[in-house]
PDB file of N, CA and C in Angstrom:
ATOM      1  N   MET A   1      -7.613   7.816  -2.604  1.00  0.00           N
ATOM      2  CA  MET A   1      -8.337   7.439  -1.409  1.00  0.00           C
ATOM      3  C   MET A   1      -9.274   8.563  -0.966  1.00  0.00           C
ATOM      4  N   GLY A   2      -8.767   9.798  -1.024  1.00  0.00           N
ATOM      5  CA  GLY A   2      -9.584  10.911  -0.583  1.00  0.00           C
ATOM      6  C   GLY A   2     -10.876  11.028  -1.365  1.00  0.00           C
ATOM      7  N   GLY A   3     -10.779  10.869  -2.677  1.00  0.00           N
ATOM      8  CA  GLY A   3     -11.972  10.935  -3.519  1.00  0.00           C
ATOM      9  C   GLY A   3     -12.949   9.820  -3.216  1.00  0.00           C
ATOM     10  N   ASP A   4     -12.418   8.648  -2.924  1.00  0.00           N
ATOM     11  CA  ASP A   4     -13.284   7.522  -2.581  1.00  0.00           C
ATOM     12  C   ASP A   4     -14.030   7.776  -1.276  1.00  0.00           C
ATOM     13  N   TYR A   5     -13.302   8.249  -0.279  1.00  0.00           N
ATOM     14  CA  TYR A   5     -13.960   8.558   0.999  1.00  0.00           C
ATOM     15  C   TYR A   5     -14.995   9.667   0.828  1.00  0.00           C
ATOM     16  N   TYR A   6     -14.677  10.648  -0.008  1.00  0.00           N
ATOM     17  CA  TYR A   6     -15.632  11.736  -0.247  1.00  0.00           C
ATOM     18  C   TYR A   6     -16.905  11.181  -0.886  1.00  0.00           C
ATOM     19  N   SER A   7     -16.738  10.264  -1.844  1.00  0.00           N
ATOM     20  CA  SER A   7     -17.893   9.649  -2.503  1.00  0.00           C
ATOM     21  C   SER A   7     -18.759   8.865  -1.523  1.00  0.00           C
ATOM     22  N   LEU A   8     -18.126   8.332  -0.477  1.00  0.00           N
ATOM     23  CA  LEU A   8     -18.859   7.578   0.536  1.00  0.00           C
ATOM     24  C   LEU A   8     -19.475   8.461   1.611  1.00  0.00           C
ATOM     25  N   GLY A   9     -19.240   9.776   1.495  1.00  0.00           N
ATOM     26  CA  GLY A   9     -19.794  10.709   2.472  1.00  0.00           C
ATOM     27  C   GLY A   9     -18.950  10.864   3.724  1.00  0.00           C
ATOM     28  N   GLU A  10     -17.747  10.313   3.718  1.00  0.00           N
ATOM     29  CA  GLU A  10     -16.846  10.441   4.866  1.00  0.00           C
ATOM     30  C   GLU A  10     -15.899  11.609   4.617  1.00  0.00           C
ATOM     31  N   ASN A  11     -16.453  12.810   4.760  1.00  0.00           N
ATOM     32  CA  ASN A  11     -15.743  14.026   4.373  1.00  0.00           C
ATOM     33  C   ASN A  11     -14.517  14.323   5.222  1.00  0.00           C
ATOM     34  N   VAL A  12     -14.563  14.031   6.504  1.00  0.00           N
ATOM     35  CA  VAL A  12     -13.407  14.291   7.366  1.00  0.00           C
ATOM     36  C   VAL A  12     -12.235  13.415   6.952  1.00  0.00           C
ATOM     37  N   ARG A  13     -12.511  12.147   6.792  1.00  0.00           N
ATOM     38  CA  ARG A  13     -11.453  11.223   6.377  1.00  0.00           C
ATOM     39  C   ARG A  13     -10.952  11.570   4.973  1.00  0.00           C
ATOM     40  N   ALA A  14     -11.846  11.954   4.090  1.00  0.00           N
ATOM     41  CA  ALA A  14     -11.453  12.371   2.737  1.00  0.00           C
ATOM     42  C   ALA A  14     -10.518  13.565   2.809  1.00  0.00           C
ATOM     43  N   GLY A  15     -10.866  14.529   3.643  1.00  0.00           N
ATOM     44  CA  GLY A  15     -10.038  15.719   3.794  1.00  0.00           C
ATOM     45  C   GLY A  15      -8.630  15.403   4.262  1.00  0.00           C
ATOM     46  N   GLU A  16      -8.521  14.425   5.126  1.00  0.00           N
ATOM     47  CA  GLU A  16      -7.189  14.031   5.616  1.00  0.00           C
ATOM     48  C   GLU A  16      -6.316  13.522   4.472  1.00  0.00           C
ATOM     49  N   TYR A  17      -6.869  12.643   3.651  1.00  0.00           N
ATOM     50  CA  TYR A  17      -6.100  12.084   2.542  1.00  0.00           C
ATOM     51  C   TYR A  17      -5.811  13.126   1.468  1.00  0.00           C
ATOM     52  N   ILE A  18      -6.798  13.951   1.166  1.00  0.00           N
ATOM     53  CA  ILE A  18      -6.611  14.975   0.147  1.00  0.00           C
ATOM     54  C   ILE A  18      -5.575  15.992   0.596  1.00  0.00           C
ATOM     55  N   THR A  19      -5.587  16.348   1.861  1.00  0.00           N
ATOM     56  CA  THR A  19      -4.600  17.287   2.388  1.00  0.00           C
ATOM     57  C   THR A  19      -3.192  16.709   2.295  1.00  0.00           C
ATOM     58  N   LYS A  20      -3.051  15.418   2.526  1.00  0.00           N
ATOM     59  CA  LYS A  20      -1.738  14.778   2.397  1.00  0.00           C
ATOM     60  C   LYS A  20      -1.272  14.755   0.938  1.00  0.00           C
ATOM     61  N   ALA A  21      -2.198  14.578   0.016  1.00  0.00           N
ATOM     62  CA  ALA A  21      -1.842  14.484  -1.406  1.00  0.00           C
ATOM     63  C   ALA A  21      -1.518  15.836  -2.026  1.00  0.00           C
ATOM     64  N   PHE A  22      -2.118  16.896  -1.519  1.00  0.00           N
ATOM     65  CA  PHE A  22      -1.985  18.204  -2.161  1.00  0.00           C
ATOM     66  C   PHE A  22      -0.537  18.677  -2.303  1.00  0.00           C
ATOM     67  N   PRO A  23       0.308  18.604  -1.268  1.00  0.00           N
ATOM     68  CA  PRO A  23       1.685  19.096  -1.420  1.00  0.00           C
ATOM     69  C   PRO A  23       2.521  18.333  -2.451  1.00  0.00           C
ATOM     70  N   VAL A  24       2.184  17.090  -2.704  1.00  0.00           N
ATOM     71  CA  VAL A  24       2.967  16.307  -3.660  1.00  0.00           C
ATOM     72  C   VAL A  24       2.307  16.242  -5.038  1.00  0.00           C
ATOM     73  N   ALA A  25       1.222  16.958  -5.223  1.00  0.00           N
ATOM     74  CA  ALA A  25       0.501  16.926  -6.498  1.00  0.00           C
ATOM     75  C   ALA A  25       1.379  17.356  -7.667  1.00  0.00           C
ATOM     76  N   ARG A  26       2.293  18.270  -7.417  1.00  0.00           N
ATOM     77  CA  ARG A  26       3.127  18.774  -8.518  1.00  0.00           C
ATOM     78  C   ARG A  26       4.034  17.691  -9.097  1.00  0.00           C
ATOM     79  N   THR A  27       4.240  16.604  -8.371  1.00  0.00           N
ATOM     80  CA  THR A  27       5.083  15.521  -8.885  1.00  0.00           C
ATOM     81  C   THR A  27       4.277  14.518  -9.718  1.00  0.00           C
ATOM     82  N   CYS A  28       2.976  14.687  -9.756  1.00  0.00           N
ATOM     83  CA  CYS A  28       2.130  13.786 -10.529  1.00  0.00           C
ATOM     84  C   CYS A  28       2.236  14.099 -12.016  1.00  0.00           C
ATOM     85  N   GLN A  29       1.856  13.129 -12.814  1.00  0.00           N
ATOM     86  CA  GLN A  29       1.841  13.323 -14.250  1.00  0.00           C
ATOM     87  C   GLN A  29       0.433  13.654 -14.707  1.00  0.00           C
ATOM     88  N   ARG A  30       0.395  14.293 -15.865  1.00  0.00           N
ATOM     89  CA  ARG A  30      -0.841  14.616 -16.562  1.00  0.00           C
ATOM     90  C   ARG A  30      -1.884  15.289 -15.671  1.00  0.00           C
ATOM     91  N   THR A  31      -3.088  14.763 -15.672  1.00  0.00           N
ATOM     92  CA  THR A  31      -4.183  15.424 -14.976  1.00  0.00           C
ATOM     93  C   THR A  31      -4.158  15.194 -13.475  1.00  0.00           C
ATOM     94  N   GLY A  32      -3.243  14.388 -12.984  1.00  0.00           N
ATOM     95  CA  GLY A  32      -3.164  14.176 -11.546  1.00  0.00           C
ATOM     96  C   GLY A  32      -2.932  15.470 -10.793  1.00  0.00           C
ATOM     97  N   LYS A  33      -2.127  16.338 -11.359  1.00  0.00           N
ATOM     98  CA  LYS A  33      -1.830  17.620 -10.712  1.00  0.00           C
ATOM     99  C   LYS A  33      -3.092  18.445 -10.523  1.00  0.00           C
ATOM    100  N   THR A  34      -3.809  18.647 -11.602  1.00  0.00           N
ATOM    101  CA  THR A  34      -4.994  19.486 -11.516  1.00  0.00           C
ATOM    102  C   THR A  34      -6.131  18.779 -10.795  1.00  0.00           C
ATOM    103  N   GLY A  35      -6.204  17.457 -10.937  1.00  0.00           N
ATOM    104  CA  GLY A  35      -7.264  16.720 -10.248  1.00  0.00           C
ATOM    105  C   GLY A  35      -7.139  16.802  -8.743  1.00  0.00           C
ATOM    106  N   ILE A  36      -5.931  16.620  -8.242  1.00  0.00           N
ATOM    107  CA  ILE A  36      -5.704  16.700  -6.803  1.00  0.00           C
ATOM    108  C   ILE A  36      -5.936  18.123  -6.308  1.00  0.00           C
ATOM    109  N   ALA A  37      -5.410  19.093  -7.042  1.00  0.00           N
ATOM    110  CA  ALA A  37      -5.592  20.491  -6.634  1.00  0.00           C
ATOM    111  C   ALA A  37      -7.070  20.867  -6.636  1.00  0.00           C
ATOM    112  N   GLY A  38      -7.786  20.459  -7.665  1.00  0.00           N
ATOM    113  CA  GLY A  38      -9.212  20.782  -7.754  1.00  0.00           C
ATOM    114  C   GLY A  38     -10.020  20.207  -6.611  1.00  0.00           C
ATOM    115  N   ILE A  39      -9.789  18.940  -6.322  1.00  0.00           N
ATOM    116  CA  ILE A  39     -10.553  18.326  -5.230  1.00  0.00           C
ATOM    117  C   ILE A  39     -10.146  18.911  -3.874  1.00  0.00           C
ATOM    118  N   TYR A  40      -8.883  19.318  -3.744  1.00  0.00           N
ATOM    119  CA  TYR A  40      -8.427  19.953  -2.506  1.00  0.00           C
ATOM    120  C   TYR A  40      -9.166  21.280  -2.294  1.00  0.00           C
ATOM    121  N   TYR A  41      -9.170  22.116  -3.314  1.00  0.00           N
ATOM    122  CA  TYR A  41      -9.849  23.409  -3.185  1.00  0.00           C
ATOM    123  C   TYR A  41     -11.349  23.236  -2.971  1.00  0.00           C
ATOM    124  N   TRP A  42     -11.921  22.244  -3.606  1.00  0.00           N
ATOM    125  CA  TRP A  42     -13.358  22.032  -3.533  1.00  0.00           C
ATOM    126  C   TRP A  42     -13.780  21.455  -2.193  1.00  0.00           C
ATOM    127  N   THR A  43     -13.129  20.373  -1.759  1.00  0.00           N
ATOM    128  CA  THR A  43     -13.619  19.658  -0.585  1.00  0.00           C
ATOM    129  C   THR A  43     -12.963  20.068   0.728  1.00  0.00           C
ATOM    130  N   VAL A  44     -11.688  20.433   0.694  1.00  0.00           N
ATOM    131  CA  VAL A  44     -10.985  20.748   1.938  1.00  0.00           C
ATOM    132  C   VAL A  44     -11.131  22.218   2.292  1.00  0.00           C
ATOM    133  N   ASN A  45     -10.821  23.081   1.347  1.00  0.00           N
ATOM    134  CA  ASN A  45     -10.844  24.519   1.625  1.00  0.00           C
ATOM    135  C   ASN A  45     -12.184  25.171   1.329  1.00  0.00           C
ATOM    136  N   GLY A  46     -12.995  24.549   0.510  1.00  0.00           N
ATOM    137  CA  GLY A  46     -14.269  25.151   0.128  1.00  0.00           C
ATOM    138  C   GLY A  46     -14.101  26.344  -0.801  1.00  0.00           C
ATOM    139  N   GLU A  47     -12.943  26.427  -1.459  1.00  0.00           N
ATOM    140  CA  GLU A  47     -12.672  27.533  -2.383  1.00  0.00           C
ATOM    141  C   GLU A  47     -13.141  27.130  -3.778  1.00  0.00           C
ATOM    142  N   LEU A  48     -14.440  27.283  -3.991  1.00  0.00           N
ATOM    143  CA  LEU A  48     -15.040  26.810  -5.228  1.00  0.00           C
ATOM    144  C   LEU A  48     -14.525  27.557  -6.446  1.00  0.00           C
ATOM    145  N   ASP A  49     -14.189  28.830  -6.292  1.00  0.00           N
ATOM    146  CA  ASP A  49     -13.660  29.586  -7.423  1.00  0.00           C
ATOM    147  C   ASP A  49     -12.310  29.027  -7.868  1.00  0.00           C
ATOM    148  N   LYS A  50     -11.443  28.684  -6.914  1.00  0.00           N
ATOM    149  CA  LYS A  50     -10.147  28.084  -7.251  1.00  0.00           C
ATOM    150  C   LYS A  50     -10.334  26.698  -7.854  1.00  0.00           C
ATOM    151  N   ALA A  51     -11.266  25.946  -7.327  1.00  0.00           N
ATOM    152  CA  ALA A  51     -11.538  24.613  -7.868  1.00  0.00           C
ATOM    153  C   ALA A  51     -12.006  24.721  -9.316  1.00  0.00           C
ATOM    154  N   ALA A  52     -12.920  25.633  -9.573  1.00  0.00           N
ATOM    155  CA  ALA A  52     -13.438  25.814 -10.934  1.00  0.00           C
ATOM    156  C   ALA A  52     -12.329  26.224 -11.894  1.00  0.00           C
ATOM    157  N   ARG A  53     -11.458  27.149 -11.468  1.00  0.00           N
ATOM    158  CA  ARG A  53     -10.340  27.569 -12.320  1.00  0.00           C
ATOM    159  C   ARG A  53      -9.399  26.400 -12.589  1.00  0.00           C
ATOM    160  N   THR A  54      -9.154  25.588 -11.573  1.00  0.00           N
ATOM    161  CA  THR A  54      -8.260  24.440 -11.724  1.00  0.00           C
ATOM    162  C   THR A  54      -8.843  23.435 -12.702  1.00  0.00           C
ATOM    163  N   TYR A  55     -10.131  23.143 -12.579  1.00  0.00           N
ATOM    164  CA  TYR A  55     -10.750  22.191 -13.499  1.00  0.00           C
ATOM    165  C   TYR A  55     -10.821  22.759 -14.917  1.00  0.00           C
ATOM    166  N   GLN A  56     -11.030  24.064 -15.047  1.00  0.00           N
ATOM    167  CA  GLN A  56     -11.039  24.688 -16.370  1.00  0.00           C
ATOM    168  C   GLN A  56      -9.663  24.580 -17.009  1.00  0.00           C
ATOM    169  N   GLU A  57      -8.625  24.780 -16.203  1.00  0.00           N
ATOM    170  CA  GLU A  57      -7.253  24.634 -16.691  1.00  0.00           C
ATOM    171  C   GLU A  57      -7.015  23.209 -17.192  1.00  0.00           C
ATOM    172  N   GLU A  58      -7.519  22.245 -16.463  1.00  0.00           N
ATOM    173  CA  GLU A  58      -7.379  20.845 -16.871  1.00  0.00           C
ATOM    174  C   GLU A  58      -8.053  20.603 -18.219  1.00  0.00           C
ATOM    175  N   ILE A  59      -9.228  21.156 -18.402  1.00  0.00           N
ATOM    176  CA  ILE A  59      -9.956  21.001 -19.660  1.00  0.00           C
ATOM    177  C   ILE A  59      -9.181  21.635 -20.812  1.00  0.00           C
ATOM    178  N   GLU A  60      -8.597  22.805 -20.557  1.00  0.00           N
ATOM    179  CA  GLU A  60      -7.851  23.491 -21.609  1.00  0.00           C
ATOM    180  C   GLU A  60      -6.562  22.758 -21.968  1.00  0.00           C
ATOM    181  N   ILE A  61      -5.878  22.220 -20.975  1.00  0.00           N
ATOM    182  CA  ILE A  61      -4.611  21.532 -21.226  1.00  0.00           C
ATOM    183  C   ILE A  61      -4.837  20.133 -21.793  1.00  0.00           C
ATOM    184  N   TYR A  62      -5.819  19.431 -21.271  1.00  0.00           N
ATOM    185  CA  TYR A  62      -6.083  18.048 -21.660  1.00  0.00           C
ATOM    186  C   TYR A  62      -7.543  17.883 -22.092  1.00  0.00           C
ATOM    187  N   PRO A  63      -7.947  18.513 -23.191  1.00  0.00           N
ATOM    188  CA  PRO A  63      -9.369  18.473 -23.571  1.00  0.00           C
ATOM    189  C   PRO A  63      -9.889  17.065 -23.832  1.00  0.00           C
ATOM    190  N   ARG A  64      -9.090  16.223 -24.401  1.00  0.00           N
ATOM    191  CA  ARG A  64      -9.543  14.863 -24.708  1.00  0.00           C
ATOM    192  C   ARG A  64      -9.748  14.053 -23.432  1.00  0.00           C
ATOM    193  N   THR A  65      -8.806  14.140 -22.507  1.00  0.00           N
ATOM    194  CA  THR A  65      -8.919  13.410 -21.241  1.00  0.00           C
ATOM    195  C   THR A  65     -10.108  13.913 -20.444  1.00  0.00           C
ATOM    196  N   ALA A  66     -10.269  15.224 -20.391  1.00  0.00           N
ATOM    197  CA  ALA A  66     -11.390  15.794 -19.638  1.00  0.00           C
ATOM    198  C   ALA A  66     -12.720  15.313 -20.228  1.00  0.00           C
ATOM    199  N   LYS A  67     -12.810  15.236 -21.552  1.00  0.00           N
ATOM    200  CA  LYS A  67     -14.036  14.765 -22.201  1.00  0.00           C
ATOM    201  C   LYS A  67     -14.269  13.292 -21.876  1.00  0.00           C
ATOM    202  N   ASP A  68     -13.214  12.495 -21.898  1.00  0.00           N
ATOM    203  CA  ASP A  68     -13.347  11.057 -21.650  1.00  0.00           C
ATOM    204  C   ASP A  68     -13.739  10.743 -20.210  1.00  0.00           C
ATOM    205  N   THR A  69     -13.372  11.605 -19.268  1.00  0.00           N
ATOM    206  CA  THR A  69     -13.657  11.340 -17.858  1.00  0.00           C
ATOM    207  C   THR A  69     -14.789  12.196 -17.326  1.00  0.00           C
ATOM    208  N   ALA A  70     -15.486  12.898 -18.183  1.00  0.00           N
ATOM    209  CA  ALA A  70     -16.543  13.810 -17.742  1.00  0.00           C
ATOM    210  C   ALA A  70     -17.712  13.094 -17.080  1.00  0.00           C
ATOM    211  N   CYS A  71     -17.877  11.818 -17.311  1.00  0.00           N
ATOM    212  CA  CYS A  71     -19.044  11.111 -16.776  1.00  0.00           C
ATOM    213  C   CYS A  71     -19.005  10.978 -15.258  1.00  0.00           C
ATOM    214  N   TRP A  72     -17.851  11.101 -14.630  1.00  0.00           N
ATOM    215  CA  TRP A  72     -17.793  10.959 -13.165  1.00  0.00           C
ATOM    216  C   TRP A  72     -18.299  12.194 -12.452  1.00  0.00           C
ATOM    217  N   ALA A  73     -18.359  13.313 -13.137  1.00  0.00           N
ATOM    218  CA  ALA A  73     -18.723  14.582 -12.491  1.00  0.00           C
ATOM    219  C   ALA A  73     -20.185  14.632 -12.127  1.00  0.00           C
TER     220      ALA A  73
END
Protein backbone atom coordinates (compact mmCIF):
# COMPACT_ATOMS: atom_id res chain seq x y z
CA MET A 1 0.00 0.00 0.00
CA GLY A 2 2.78 2.40 0.90
CA GLY A 3 4.42 2.04 -2.49
CA ASP A 4 1.11 2.58 -4.24
CA TYR A 5 0.40 5.76 -2.31
CA TYR A 6 3.94 6.96 -3.01
CA SER A 7 3.40 6.36 -6.74
CA LEU A 8 0.25 8.47 -6.53
CA GLY A 9 2.17 11.32 -4.91
CA GLU A 10 0.51 10.87 -1.51
CA ASN A 11 3.78 10.83 0.40
CA VAL A 12 2.37 11.35 3.89
CA ARG A 13 -0.05 8.48 3.58
CA ALA A 14 2.68 6.34 1.97
CA GLY A 15 4.97 7.06 4.89
CA GLU A 16 2.35 5.89 7.35
CA TYR A 17 1.99 2.50 5.66
CA ILE A 18 5.70 2.06 5.05
CA THR A 19 6.47 2.89 8.67
CA LYS A 20 3.98 0.23 9.80
CA ALA A 21 5.53 -2.36 7.46
CA PHE A 22 9.16 -1.70 8.37
CA PRO A 23 9.23 -3.43 11.81
CA VAL A 24 7.71 -6.61 10.40
CA ALA A 25 9.84 -6.69 7.24
CA ARG A 26 12.15 -9.30 8.73
CA THR A 27 9.28 -11.81 8.70
CA CYS A 28 8.83 -11.43 4.94
CA GLN A 29 10.20 -13.89 2.46
CA ARG A 30 12.69 -13.27 -0.31
CA THR A 31 12.98 -9.70 -1.54
CA GLY A 32 10.17 -8.43 0.66
CA LYS A 33 12.66 -7.77 3.43
CA THR A 34 14.99 -5.64 1.39
CA GLY A 35 12.19 -4.04 -0.62
CA ILE A 36 10.40 -2.77 2.45
CA ALA A 37 13.63 -1.63 4.09
CA GLY A 38 14.77 0.14 0.93
CA ILE A 39 11.56 2.05 0.43
CA TYR A 40 11.49 2.93 4.15
CA TYR A 41 14.98 4.42 4.06
CA TRP A 42 14.29 6.16 0.77
CA THR A 43 10.84 7.65 1.33
CA VAL A 44 10.35 7.90 5.09
CA ASN A 45 13.79 8.68 6.47
CA GLY A 46 15.38 10.16 3.37
CA GLU A 47 18.50 8.07 4.04
CA LEU A 48 19.44 7.53 0.43
CA ASP A 49 22.77 5.91 1.27
CA LYS A 50 21.02 3.22 3.35
CA ALA A 51 18.41 2.74 0.65
CA ALA A 52 21.10 2.29 -2.00
CA ARG A 53 22.98 -0.24 0.15
CA THR A 54 19.75 -2.14 0.80
CA TYR A 55 18.87 -2.31 -2.89
CA GLN A 56 22.44 -3.34 -3.76
CA GLU A 57 22.17 -6.13 -1.19
CA GLU A 58 18.94 -7.26 -2.85
CA ILE A 59 20.65 -7.37 -6.24
CA GLU A 60 23.54 -9.39 -4.85
CA ILE A 61 21.33 -11.89 -3.02
CA TYR A 62 18.62 -12.19 -5.68
CA PRO A 63 20.22 -11.14 -9.00
CA ARG A 64 17.61 -12.84 -11.16
CA THR A 65 14.64 -11.33 -9.31
CA ALA A 66 16.22 -7.88 -9.29
CA LYS A 67 16.79 -8.13 -13.06
CA ASP A 68 13.21 -9.29 -13.68
CA THR A 69 11.70 -6.43 -11.66
CA ALA A 70 14.10 -3.68 -12.74
CA CYS A 71 11.52 -2.12 -15.07
CA TRP A 72 9.56 -0.56 -12.17
CA ALA A 73 12.51 1.57 -11.08
